[in-house]
Amino acid sequence: MIMETKKRLLTASLCLFLTSVCFGSTERTKQTRFPFKVSEGGLILIQVTANGVKGEFILDTGAGIHVLSKGFLHKLSSKAAGHYTGFRNTGERIDFDLFQIASLSIGRFRQEHPVVAAWEVLDKFKIDGVLAAKFFDHHIVSLDFKKHELVFENRQTLNRRLRQGRVTPLKVLEDRDKTLGLFVDLTVGDSLTCECELDTGFDGLLILDARFMKPLNLDEKSDSVKRMESKGLTGLTEIRYRATVSNVSLLGAPEVKMEKPEVTFKVGLIYDGVVGAGFWLNREVTLDIPSRRLIVGIR
């Protein structure tokens, strides 16, 4: 009988432990909020601590991998971790040297031994680093664009988000345990569905591949369509068009909608599209990467 009682206690303790771990150990803690700033260019800036050194990072869910400026990386103890080849959304190749550092943290929320890339372009813009979605792989977080806060959710606050929001699938792209990208489906116009990268590092509304102009009845030679050329970060010429579409909405969530927005169409995009921070302005957006769902507040 004593052994049976001990066995029951041990089983109960183990179940309690596993429940806590599965929810990122936030069940016993309060919701935690961290302010972020929005730059003049529309970038989300938040304070991040790397190996105990504080820096201002861009919160960029489209980055794939954490990136540090070479100047900021020199302040840290790190070790070489190989190389990685990434691609911009127009297919341009970018080669990175990789390094492993001790930790990245926002308050008490911490990622141990992350692999980061070094990129001298950040030094030119005096940016310490870029925080990718990989940091939130095991956390449930909300971006409150009304209050400019990053919120780490607990079970109680997540349930409130679920009651007051609209849930839609969040697709996750992972590559060799180094990068993590997020995708959602949008409806453009009356019937076009596009799978778009969720990119908070893009301050605009929506970029679609130029092949979608035809099904939307947009003629690149029309006076209502603007054609533009510019140099990308790697020096290649990018061809873009801008035009107004009837509407853009989150697939399965008709309340999350913009009427008659101006959309960019880019030649050679490797995805259907890229949806930026501009689509979520004045909204509360929850990224539940563990459960592969996006929750958007509608109340």
C-alpha atoms as a PDB file:
ATOM      1  CA  MET A   1       0.000   0.000   0.000  1.00  0.00           C
ATOM      2  CA  ILE A   2       2.859   2.395   0.858  1.00  0.00           C
ATOM      3  CA  MET A   3       4.606   1.555  -2.422  1.00  0.00           C
ATOM      4  CA  GLU A   4       1.368   2.109  -4.331  1.00  0.00           C
ATOM      5  CA  THR A   5       0.875   5.517  -2.667  1.00  0.00           C
ATOM      6  CA  LYS A   6       4.440   6.529  -3.531  1.00  0.00           C
ATOM      7  CA  LYS A   7       3.878   5.420  -7.105  1.00  0.00           C
ATOM      8  CA  ARG A   8       0.740   7.549  -7.385  1.00  0.00           C
ATOM      9  CA  LEU A   9       2.523  10.591  -5.960  1.00  0.00           C
ATOM     10  CA  LEU A  10       5.417  10.110  -8.348  1.00  0.00           C
ATOM     11  CA  THR A  11       3.057   9.784 -11.330  1.00  0.00           C
ATOM     12  CA  ALA A  12       1.144  12.905 -10.298  1.00  0.00           C
ATOM     13  CA  SER A  13       4.370  14.888  -9.879  1.00  0.00           C
ATOM     14  CA  LEU A  14       5.631  13.743 -13.265  1.00  0.00           C
ATOM     15  CA  CYS A  15       2.389  14.743 -14.997  1.00  0.00           C
ATOM     16  CA  LEU A  16       2.504  18.172 -13.354  1.00  0.00           C
ATOM     17  CA  PHE A  17       6.116  18.610 -14.456  1.00  0.00           C
ATOM     18  CA  LEU A  18       5.388  17.607 -18.052  1.00  0.00           C
ATOM     19  CA  THR A  19       2.386  19.924 -18.243  1.00  0.00           C
ATOM     20  CA  SER A  20       4.560  22.822 -17.155  1.00  0.00           C
ATOM     21  CA  VAL A  21       7.269  21.987 -19.668  1.00  0.00           C
ATOM     22  CA  CYS A  22       4.812  21.652 -22.564  1.00  0.00           C
ATOM     23  CA  PHE A  23       3.563  25.166 -21.972  1.00  0.00           C
ATOM     24  CA  GLY A  24       7.024  26.689 -21.781  1.00  0.00           C
ATOM     25  CA  SER A  25       6.974  26.778 -17.964  1.00  0.00           C
ATOM     26  CA  THR A  26       4.647  29.801 -17.979  1.00  0.00           C
ATOM     27  CA  GLU A  27       1.687  28.222 -16.192  1.00  0.00           C
ATOM     28  CA  ARG A  28       2.745  29.602 -12.813  1.00  0.00           C
ATOM     29  CA  THR A  29       3.866  32.995 -14.044  1.00  0.00           C
ATOM     30  CA  LYS A  30       2.109  36.195 -14.927  1.00  0.00           C
ATOM     31  CA  GLN A  31       1.783  37.554 -18.427  1.00  0.00           C
ATOM     32  CA  THR A  32       4.920  39.515 -19.209  1.00  0.00           C
ATOM     33  CA  ARG A  33       5.029  42.540 -21.500  1.00  0.00           C
ATOM     34  CA  PHE A  34       8.012  44.237 -23.104  1.00  0.00           C
ATOM     35  CA  PRO A  35       7.740  47.545 -24.972  1.00  0.00           C
ATOM     36  CA  PHE A  36       8.929  47.895 -28.526  1.00  0.00           C
ATOM     37  CA  LYS A  37       9.488  50.967 -30.667  1.00  0.00           C
ATOM     38  CA  VAL A  38       8.580  51.496 -34.287  1.00  0.00           C
ATOM     39  CA  SER A  39      11.229  53.369 -36.261  1.00  0.00           C
ATOM     40  CA  GLU A  40      10.489  56.081 -38.805  1.00  0.00           C
ATOM     41  CA  GLY A  41      10.969  53.406 -41.463  1.00  0.00           C
ATOM     42  CA  GLY A  42       8.377  51.164 -39.790  1.00  0.00           C
ATOM     43  CA  LEU A  43      10.778  48.620 -38.260  1.00  0.00           C
ATOM     44  CA  ILE A  44       9.967  47.007 -34.888  1.00  0.00           C
ATOM     45  CA  LEU A  45      12.833  47.687 -32.459  1.00  0.00           C
ATOM     46  CA  ILE A  46      13.172  45.848 -29.150  1.00  0.00           C
ATOM     47  CA  GLN A  47      15.865  45.513 -26.491  1.00  0.00           C
ATOM     48  CA  VAL A  48      17.584  42.124 -26.512  1.00  0.00           C
ATOM     49  CA  THR A  49      20.402  40.875 -24.288  1.00  0.00           C
ATOM     50  CA  ALA A  50      23.110  38.702 -25.869  1.00  0.00           C
ATOM     51  CA  ASN A  51      25.638  37.095 -23.521  1.00  0.00           C
ATOM     52  CA  GLY A  52      24.722  39.749 -20.959  1.00  0.00           C
ATOM     53  CA  VAL A  53      25.273  42.642 -23.404  1.00  0.00           C
ATOM     54  CA  LYS A  54      22.220  44.763 -24.222  1.00  0.00           C
ATOM     55  CA  GLY A  55      21.456  45.806 -27.770  1.00  0.00           C
ATOM     56  CA  GLU A  56      18.651  47.180 -29.887  1.00  0.00           C
ATOM     57  CA  PHE A  57      17.406  44.568 -32.352  1.00  0.00           C
ATOM     58  CA  ILE A  58      14.925  44.524 -35.204  1.00  0.00           C
ATOM     59  CA  LEU A  59      12.164  42.004 -34.491  1.00  0.00           C
ATOM     60  CA  ASP A  60      11.968  40.361 -37.897  1.00  0.00           C
ATOM     61  CA  THR A  61       9.948  37.164 -38.355  1.00  0.00           C
ATOM     62  CA  GLY A  62      11.057  37.068 -41.983  1.00  0.00           C
ATOM     63  CA  ALA A  63      14.780  36.937 -41.201  1.00  0.00           C
ATOM     64  CA  GLY A  64      14.893  33.160 -40.745  1.00  0.00           C
ATOM     65  CA  ILE A  65      18.008  33.285 -38.584  1.00  0.00           C
ATOM     66  CA  HIS A  66      19.280  35.668 -35.893  1.00  0.00           C
ATOM     67  CA  VAL A  67      21.745  38.143 -37.347  1.00  0.00           C
ATOM     68  CA  LEU A  68      24.259  40.313 -35.495  1.00  0.00           C
ATOM     69  CA  SER A  69      26.315  43.217 -36.751  1.00  0.00           C
ATOM     70  CA  LYS A  70      30.002  42.450 -36.780  1.00  0.00           C
ATOM     71  CA  GLY A  71      30.615  45.284 -34.335  1.00  0.00           C
ATOM     72  CA  PHE A  72      28.129  43.909 -31.824  1.00  0.00           C
ATOM     73  CA  LEU A  73      29.390  40.356 -32.269  1.00  0.00           C
ATOM     74  CA  HIS A  74      32.923  41.508 -31.383  1.00  0.00           C
ATOM     75  CA  LYS A  75      31.600  42.513 -27.937  1.00  0.00           C
ATOM     76  CA  LEU A  76      30.571  38.904 -27.260  1.00  0.00           C
ATOM     77  CA  SER A  77      32.325  35.652 -26.588  1.00  0.00           C
ATOM     78  CA  SER A  78      31.481  33.364 -29.513  1.00  0.00           C
ATOM     79  CA  LYS A  79      32.771  30.388 -31.435  1.00  0.00           C
ATOM     80  CA  ALA A  80      32.639  29.664 -35.144  1.00  0.00           C
ATOM     81  CA  ALA A  81      29.714  27.433 -36.150  1.00  0.00           C
ATOM     82  CA  GLY A  82      30.182  27.006 -39.894  1.00  0.00           C
ATOM     83  CA  HIS A  83      28.480  28.751 -42.765  1.00  0.00           C
ATOM     84  CA  TYR A  84      24.990  29.192 -44.144  1.00  0.00           C
ATOM     85  CA  THR A  85      23.590  30.285 -47.490  1.00  0.00           C
ATOM     86  CA  GLY A  86      20.322  32.156 -47.381  1.00  0.00           C
ATOM     87  CA  PHE A  87      18.147  33.632 -50.103  1.00  0.00           C
ATOM     88  CA  ARG A  88      16.254  36.906 -50.222  1.00  0.00           C
ATOM     89  CA  ASN A  89      12.630  36.771 -51.291  1.00  0.00           C
ATOM     90  CA  THR A  90      13.716  37.472 -54.875  1.00  0.00           C
ATOM     91  CA  GLY A  91      16.151  34.567 -54.842  1.00  0.00           C
ATOM     92  CA  GLU A  92      19.356  36.545 -54.335  1.00  0.00           C
ATOM     93  CA  ARG A  93      21.966  34.455 -52.547  1.00  0.00           C
ATOM     94  CA  ILE A  94      23.528  35.711 -49.302  1.00  0.00           C
ATOM     95  CA  ASP A  95      26.362  33.790 -47.639  1.00  0.00           C
ATOM     96  CA  PHE A  96      26.766  34.060 -43.867  1.00  0.00           C
ATOM     97  CA  ASP A  97      29.449  33.059 -41.387  1.00  0.00           C
ATOM     98  CA  LEU A  98      27.770  31.439 -38.386  1.00  0.00           C
ATOM     99  CA  PHE A  99      28.694  31.720 -34.712  1.00  0.00           C
ATOM    100  CA  GLN A 100      27.352  30.206 -31.523  1.00  0.00           C
ATOM    101  CA  ILE A 101      26.887  32.452 -28.512  1.00  0.00           C
ATOM    102  CA  ALA A 102      25.862  31.656 -24.934  1.00  0.00           C
ATOM    103  CA  SER A 103      22.369  33.128 -24.977  1.00  0.00           C
ATOM    104  CA  LEU A 104      19.809  35.592 -26.278  1.00  0.00           C
ATOM    105  CA  SER A 105      17.172  36.890 -23.899  1.00  0.00           C
ATOM    106  CA  ILE A 106      14.285  39.302 -23.506  1.00  0.00           C
ATOM    107  CA  GLY A 107      13.826  39.768 -19.799  1.00  0.00           C
ATOM    108  CA  ARG A 108      13.772  36.290 -18.243  1.00  0.00           C
ATOM    109  CA  PHE A 109      12.816  34.609 -21.529  1.00  0.00           C
ATOM    110  CA  ARG A 110      15.958  33.063 -22.888  1.00  0.00           C
ATOM    111  CA  GLN A 111      17.311  30.998 -25.757  1.00  0.00           C
ATOM    112  CA  GLU A 112      20.377  28.993 -24.835  1.00  0.00           C
ATOM    113  CA  HIS A 113      23.345  28.579 -27.199  1.00  0.00           C
ATOM    114  CA  PRO A 114      21.713  30.065 -30.293  1.00  0.00           C
ATOM    115  CA  VAL A 115      23.469  30.089 -33.638  1.00  0.00           C
ATOM    116  CA  VAL A 116      23.673  33.572 -35.170  1.00  0.00           C
ATOM    117  CA  ALA A 117      24.874  34.971 -38.474  1.00  0.00           C
ATOM    118  CA  ALA A 118      27.218  37.924 -38.842  1.00  0.00           C
ATOM    119  CA  TRP A 119      26.394  40.567 -41.462  1.00  0.00           C
ATOM    120  CA  GLU A 120      28.340  43.766 -42.039  1.00  0.00           C
ATOM    121  CA  VAL A 121      25.325  45.464 -43.657  1.00  0.00           C
ATOM    122  CA  LEU A 122      23.883  45.974 -40.156  1.00  0.00           C
ATOM    123  CA  ASP A 123      27.003  47.939 -39.186  1.00  0.00           C
ATOM    124  CA  LYS A 124      26.329  50.419 -42.003  1.00  0.00           C
ATOM    125  CA  PHE A 125      22.868  51.094 -40.597  1.00  0.00           C
ATOM    126  CA  LYS A 126      24.093  51.080 -36.969  1.00  0.00           C
ATOM    127  CA  ILE A 127      21.788  48.207 -36.008  1.00  0.00           C
ATOM    128  CA  ASP A 128      22.999  45.776 -33.312  1.00  0.00           C
ATOM    129  CA  GLY A 129      21.074  42.765 -34.539  1.00  0.00           C
ATOM    130  CA  VAL A 130      17.999  41.095 -35.941  1.00  0.00           C
ATOM    131  CA  LEU A 131      15.874  38.792 -33.774  1.00  0.00           C
ATOM    132  CA  ALA A 132      14.263  36.045 -35.859  1.00  0.00           C
ATOM    133  CA  ALA A 133      11.156  33.925 -35.191  1.00  0.00           C
ATOM    134  CA  LYS A 134      13.475  31.140 -33.995  1.00  0.00           C
ATOM    135  CA  PHE A 135      13.533  32.849 -30.580  1.00  0.00           C
ATOM    136  CA  PHE A 136       9.792  32.159 -30.193  1.00  0.00           C
ATOM    137  CA  ASP A 137       9.978  28.508 -31.233  1.00  0.00           C
ATOM    138  CA  HIS A 138       8.933  27.357 -27.734  1.00  0.00           C
ATOM    139  CA  HIS A 139       7.000  30.419 -26.580  1.00  0.00           C
ATOM    140  CA  ILE A 140       3.555  31.801 -27.352  1.00  0.00           C
ATOM    141  CA  VAL A 141       3.815  35.535 -27.918  1.00  0.00           C
ATOM    142  CA  SER A 142       1.606  38.379 -29.053  1.00  0.00           C
ATOM    143  CA  LEU A 143       2.548  41.521 -30.927  1.00  0.00           C
ATOM    144  CA  ASP A 144       0.261  44.262 -29.651  1.00  0.00           C
ATOM    145  CA  PHE A 145       0.445  46.926 -32.350  1.00  0.00           C
ATOM    146  CA  LYS A 146      -1.960  49.123 -30.397  1.00  0.00           C
ATOM    147  CA  LYS A 147       0.222  49.461 -27.294  1.00  0.00           C
ATOM    148  CA  HIS A 148       3.567  48.650 -28.978  1.00  0.00           C
ATOM    149  CA  GLU A 149       4.220  45.688 -26.694  1.00  0.00           C
ATOM    150  CA  LEU A 150       5.586  42.177 -27.080  1.00  0.00           C
ATOM    151  CA  VAL A 151       3.587  39.891 -24.780  1.00  0.00           C
ATOM    152  CA  PHE A 152       4.659  36.444 -23.562  1.00  0.00           C
ATOM    153  CA  GLU A 153       1.418  34.588 -22.930  1.00  0.00           C
ATOM    154  CA  ASN A 154       0.513  32.148 -20.179  1.00  0.00           C
ATOM    155  CA  ARG A 155      -2.325  29.614 -20.276  1.00  0.00           C
ATOM    156  CA  GLN A 156      -4.911  32.003 -18.861  1.00  0.00           C
ATOM    157  CA  THR A 157      -4.085  34.900 -21.190  1.00  0.00           C
ATOM    158  CA  LEU A 158      -3.849  32.566 -24.181  1.00  0.00           C
ATOM    159  CA  ASN A 159      -7.360  31.288 -23.480  1.00  0.00           C
ATOM    160  CA  ARG A 160      -8.562  34.889 -23.454  1.00  0.00           C
ATOM    161  CA  ARG A 161      -6.883  35.483 -26.821  1.00  0.00           C
ATOM    162  CA  LEU A 162      -8.636  32.407 -28.184  1.00  0.00           C
ATOM    163  CA  ARG A 163     -12.038  33.600 -26.956  1.00  0.00           C
ATOM    164  CA  GLN A 164     -11.610  37.107 -28.326  1.00  0.00           C
ATOM    165  CA  GLY A 165      -9.801  36.349 -31.552  1.00  0.00           C
ATOM    166  CA  ARG A 166      -9.933  34.524 -34.823  1.00  0.00           C
ATOM    167  CA  VAL A 167      -7.696  31.466 -35.245  1.00  0.00           C
ATOM    168  CA  THR A 168      -6.070  30.535 -38.550  1.00  0.00           C
ATOM    169  CA  PRO A 169      -3.257  28.102 -39.467  1.00  0.00           C
ATOM    170  CA  LEU A 170       0.326  29.256 -39.080  1.00  0.00           C
ATOM    171  CA  LYS A 171       2.657  27.376 -41.409  1.00  0.00           C
ATOM    172  CA  VAL A 172       6.265  26.874 -40.352  1.00  0.00           C
ATOM    173  CA  LEU A 173       9.268  26.386 -42.613  1.00  0.00           C
ATOM    174  CA  GLU A 174      12.416  25.031 -40.920  1.00  0.00           C
ATOM    175  CA  ASP A 175      15.815  24.408 -42.464  1.00  0.00           C
ATOM    176  CA  ARG A 176      18.418  22.201 -40.802  1.00  0.00           C
ATOM    177  CA  ASP A 177      17.521  23.496 -37.338  1.00  0.00           C
ATOM    178  CA  LYS A 178      19.090  26.840 -38.261  1.00  0.00           C
ATOM    179  CA  THR A 179      16.259  28.899 -39.715  1.00  0.00           C
ATOM    180  CA  LEU A 180      12.538  29.228 -39.092  1.00  0.00           C
ATOM    181  CA  GLY A 181      10.026  31.038 -41.295  1.00  0.00           C
ATOM    182  CA  LEU A 182       6.301  31.673 -40.847  1.00  0.00           C
ATOM    183  CA  PHE A 183       3.563  31.675 -43.497  1.00  0.00           C
ATOM    184  CA  VAL A 184      -0.157  32.479 -43.580  1.00  0.00           C
ATOM    185  CA  ASP A 185      -2.808  32.332 -46.307  1.00  0.00           C
ATOM    186  CA  LEU A 186      -4.399  35.542 -47.545  1.00  0.00           C
ATOM    187  CA  THR A 187      -7.358  36.125 -49.844  1.00  0.00           C
ATOM    188  CA  VAL A 188      -6.764  38.876 -52.408  1.00  0.00           C
ATOM    189  CA  GLY A 189      -9.721  40.196 -54.352  1.00  0.00           C
ATOM    190  CA  ASP A 190     -12.738  37.935 -54.622  1.00  0.00           C
ATOM    191  CA  SER A 191     -11.121  34.552 -55.150  1.00  0.00           C
ATOM    192  CA  LEU A 192      -7.298  34.587 -55.236  1.00  0.00           C
ATOM    193  CA  THR A 193      -5.593  32.753 -52.341  1.00  0.00           C
ATOM    194  CA  CYS A 194      -1.885  33.356 -51.734  1.00  0.00           C
ATOM    195  CA  GLU A 195       0.500  31.713 -49.273  1.00  0.00           C
ATOM    196  CA  CYS A 196       2.500  34.601 -47.853  1.00  0.00           C
ATOM    197  CA  GLU A 197       5.564  34.837 -45.646  1.00  0.00           C
ATOM    198  CA  LEU A 198       4.758  36.644 -42.394  1.00  0.00           C
ATOM    199  CA  ASP A 199       7.532  39.237 -42.298  1.00  0.00           C
ATOM    200  CA  THR A 200       7.532  41.845 -39.527  1.00  0.00           C
ATOM    201  CA  GLY A 201      10.816  43.157 -40.944  1.00  0.00           C
ATOM    202  CA  PHE A 202       8.835  44.542 -43.891  1.00  0.00           C
ATOM    203  CA  ASP A 203       6.989  47.702 -42.887  1.00  0.00           C
ATOM    204  CA  GLY A 204       4.588  47.692 -45.834  1.00  0.00           C
ATOM    205  CA  LEU A 205       1.294  45.898 -46.377  1.00  0.00           C
ATOM    206  CA  LEU A 206       1.739  43.193 -48.987  1.00  0.00           C
ATOM    207  CA  ILE A 207       4.078  42.162 -51.790  1.00  0.00           C
ATOM    208  CA  LEU A 208       2.841  39.583 -54.301  1.00  0.00           C
ATOM    209  CA  ASP A 209       4.666  37.892 -57.127  1.00  0.00           C
ATOM    210  CA  ALA A 210       4.026  39.691 -60.412  1.00  0.00           C
ATOM    211  CA  ARG A 211       2.401  36.576 -61.907  1.00  0.00           C
ATOM    212  CA  PHE A 212      -0.716  37.335 -59.840  1.00  0.00           C
ATOM    213  CA  MET A 213      -1.384  40.578 -61.696  1.00  0.00           C
ATOM    214  CA  LYS A 214      -3.123  38.718 -64.524  1.00  0.00           C
ATOM    215  CA  PRO A 215      -5.705  36.829 -62.390  1.00  0.00           C
ATOM    216  CA  LEU A 216      -6.425  40.151 -60.648  1.00  0.00           C
ATOM    217  CA  ASN A 217      -7.049  41.780 -64.045  1.00  0.00           C
ATOM    218  CA  LEU A 218      -4.163  44.204 -63.687  1.00  0.00           C
ATOM    219  CA  ASP A 219      -2.364  45.289 -66.846  1.00  0.00           C
ATOM    220  CA  GLU A 220       1.211  46.475 -66.282  1.00  0.00           C
ATOM    221  CA  LYS A 221       0.742  49.011 -69.119  1.00  0.00           C
ATOM    222  CA  SER A 222      -2.376  50.514 -67.574  1.00  0.00           C
ATOM    223  CA  ASP A 223      -2.287  54.046 -66.168  1.00  0.00           C
ATOM    224  CA  SER A 224      -3.567  52.656 -62.860  1.00  0.00           C
ATOM    225  CA  VAL A 225      -0.440  50.521 -62.452  1.00  0.00           C
ATOM    226  CA  LYS A 226       2.864  52.164 -61.447  1.00  0.00           C
ATOM    227  CA  ARG A 227       6.134  50.573 -62.586  1.00  0.00           C
ATOM    228  CA  MET A 228       9.306  51.051 -60.520  1.00  0.00           C
ATOM    229  CA  GLU A 229      12.913  49.892 -60.658  1.00  0.00           C
ATOM    230  CA  SER A 230      15.384  49.951 -57.764  1.00  0.00           C
ATOM    231  CA  LYS A 231      18.607  48.344 -56.590  1.00  0.00           C
ATOM    232  CA  GLY A 232      18.315  45.605 -53.979  1.00  0.00           C
ATOM    233  CA  LEU A 233      20.696  45.096 -51.057  1.00  0.00           C
ATOM    234  CA  THR A 234      22.901  42.877 -53.209  1.00  0.00           C
ATOM    235  CA  GLY A 235      22.989  45.349 -56.090  1.00  0.00           C
ATOM    236  CA  LEU A 236      20.599  43.576 -58.461  1.00  0.00           C
ATOM    237  CA  THR A 237      17.822  45.539 -60.126  1.00  0.00           C
ATOM    238  CA  GLU A 238      14.324  44.822 -58.798  1.00  0.00           C
ATOM    239  CA  ILE A 239      11.237  45.470 -60.938  1.00  0.00           C
ATOM    240  CA  ARG A 240       8.062  46.268 -59.046  1.00  0.00           C
ATOM    241  CA  TYR A 241       4.539  47.400 -59.794  1.00  0.00           C
ATOM    242  CA  ARG A 242       2.043  49.083 -57.501  1.00  0.00           C
ATOM    243  CA  ALA A 243      -1.711  48.866 -57.912  1.00  0.00           C
ATOM    244  CA  THR A 244      -4.896  49.010 -55.875  1.00  0.00           C
ATOM    245  CA  VAL A 245      -6.849  45.783 -55.329  1.00  0.00           C
ATOM    246  CA  SER A 246     -10.423  45.472 -54.112  1.00  0.00           C
ATOM    247  CA  ASN A 247      -9.538  43.887 -50.748  1.00  0.00           C
ATOM    248  CA  VAL A 248      -7.080  41.731 -48.801  1.00  0.00           C
ATOM    249  CA  SER A 249      -8.141  39.487 -45.923  1.00  0.00           C
ATOM    250  CA  LEU A 250      -6.812  36.659 -43.777  1.00  0.00           C
ATOM    251  CA  LEU A 251      -8.129  33.369 -45.154  1.00  0.00           C
ATOM    252  CA  GLY A 252     -10.836  32.043 -42.856  1.00  0.00           C
ATOM    253  CA  ALA A 253     -10.999  35.320 -40.933  1.00  0.00           C
ATOM    254  CA  PRO A 254     -13.072  37.807 -42.973  1.00  0.00           C
ATOM    255  CA  GLU A 255     -12.980  40.314 -40.090  1.00  0.00           C
ATOM    256  CA  VAL A 256      -9.225  40.737 -40.592  1.00  0.00           C
ATOM    257  CA  LYS A 257      -9.521  42.723 -43.795  1.00  0.00           C
ATOM    258  CA  MET A 258      -8.363  45.838 -45.627  1.00  0.00           C
ATOM    259  CA  GLU A 259     -10.492  47.488 -48.298  1.00  0.00           C
ATOM    260  CA  LYS A 260      -8.923  48.866 -51.491  1.00  0.00           C
ATOM    261  CA  PRO A 261      -5.296  48.709 -50.335  1.00  0.00           C
ATOM    262  CA  GLU A 262      -2.349  49.482 -52.588  1.00  0.00           C
ATOM    263  CA  VAL A 263      -0.299  46.323 -53.130  1.00  0.00           C
ATOM    264  CA  THR A 264       3.218  45.844 -54.534  1.00  0.00           C
ATOM    265  CA  PHE A 265       3.877  43.215 -57.193  1.00  0.00           C
ATOM    266  CA  LYS A 266       7.488  42.125 -57.568  1.00  0.00           C
ATOM    267  CA  VAL A 267       9.030  40.230 -60.459  1.00  0.00           C
ATOM    268  CA  GLY A 268      10.792  36.998 -59.473  1.00  0.00           C
ATOM    269  CA  LEU A 269       9.455  36.577 -55.930  1.00  0.00           C
ATOM    270  CA  ILE A 270      10.217  33.048 -54.685  1.00  0.00           C
ATOM    271  CA  TYR A 271       7.014  32.892 -52.590  1.00  0.00           C
ATOM    272  CA  ASP A 272       3.430  33.782 -53.477  1.00  0.00           C
ATOM    273  CA  GLY A 273       3.810  36.858 -51.340  1.00  0.00           C
ATOM    274  CA  VAL A 274       5.149  38.626 -48.273  1.00  0.00           C
ATOM    275  CA  VAL A 275       2.765  40.181 -45.746  1.00  0.00           C
ATOM    276  CA  GLY A 276       4.348  42.918 -43.658  1.00  0.00           C
ATOM    277  CA  ALA A 277       3.720  44.742 -40.417  1.00  0.00           C
ATOM    278  CA  GLY A 278       1.461  47.210 -42.222  1.00  0.00           C
ATOM    279  CA  PHE A 279      -1.288  44.597 -42.476  1.00  0.00           C
ATOM    280  CA  TRP A 280      -1.433  44.155 -38.685  1.00  0.00           C
ATOM    281  CA  LEU A 281      -1.429  47.821 -37.611  1.00  0.00           C
ATOM    282  CA  ASN A 282      -3.745  48.533 -34.650  1.00  0.00           C
ATOM    283  CA  ARG A 283      -4.249  44.800 -34.137  1.00  0.00           C
ATOM    284  CA  GLU A 284      -3.126  42.190 -31.597  1.00  0.00           C
ATOM    285  CA  VAL A 285      -1.490  39.219 -33.287  1.00  0.00           C
ATOM    286  CA  THR A 286      -0.560  36.033 -31.411  1.00  0.00           C
ATOM    287  CA  LEU A 287       2.107  33.695 -32.778  1.00  0.00           C
ATOM    288  CA  ASP A 288       1.563  30.215 -31.392  1.00  0.00           C
ATOM    289  CA  ILE A 289       4.409  28.421 -33.153  1.00  0.00           C
ATOM    290  CA  PRO A 290       4.235  25.259 -30.977  1.00  0.00           C
ATOM    291  CA  SER A 291       0.595  24.702 -31.985  1.00  0.00           C
ATOM    292  CA  ARG A 292       1.016  26.116 -35.520  1.00  0.00           C
ATOM    293  CA  ARG A 293      -1.707  28.726 -35.249  1.00  0.00           C
ATOM    294  CA  LEU A 294      -2.124  32.476 -35.592  1.00  0.00           C
ATOM    295  CA  ILE A 295      -4.633  34.294 -33.409  1.00  0.00           C
ATOM    296  CA  VAL A 296      -5.782  37.781 -34.406  1.00  0.00           C
ATOM    297  CA  GLY A 297      -7.847  39.845 -31.996  1.00  0.00           C
ATOM    298  CA  ILE A 298     -11.197  41.010 -33.406  1.00  0.00           C
ATOM    299  CA  ARG A 299     -12.762  42.566 -30.296  1.00  0.00           C
END
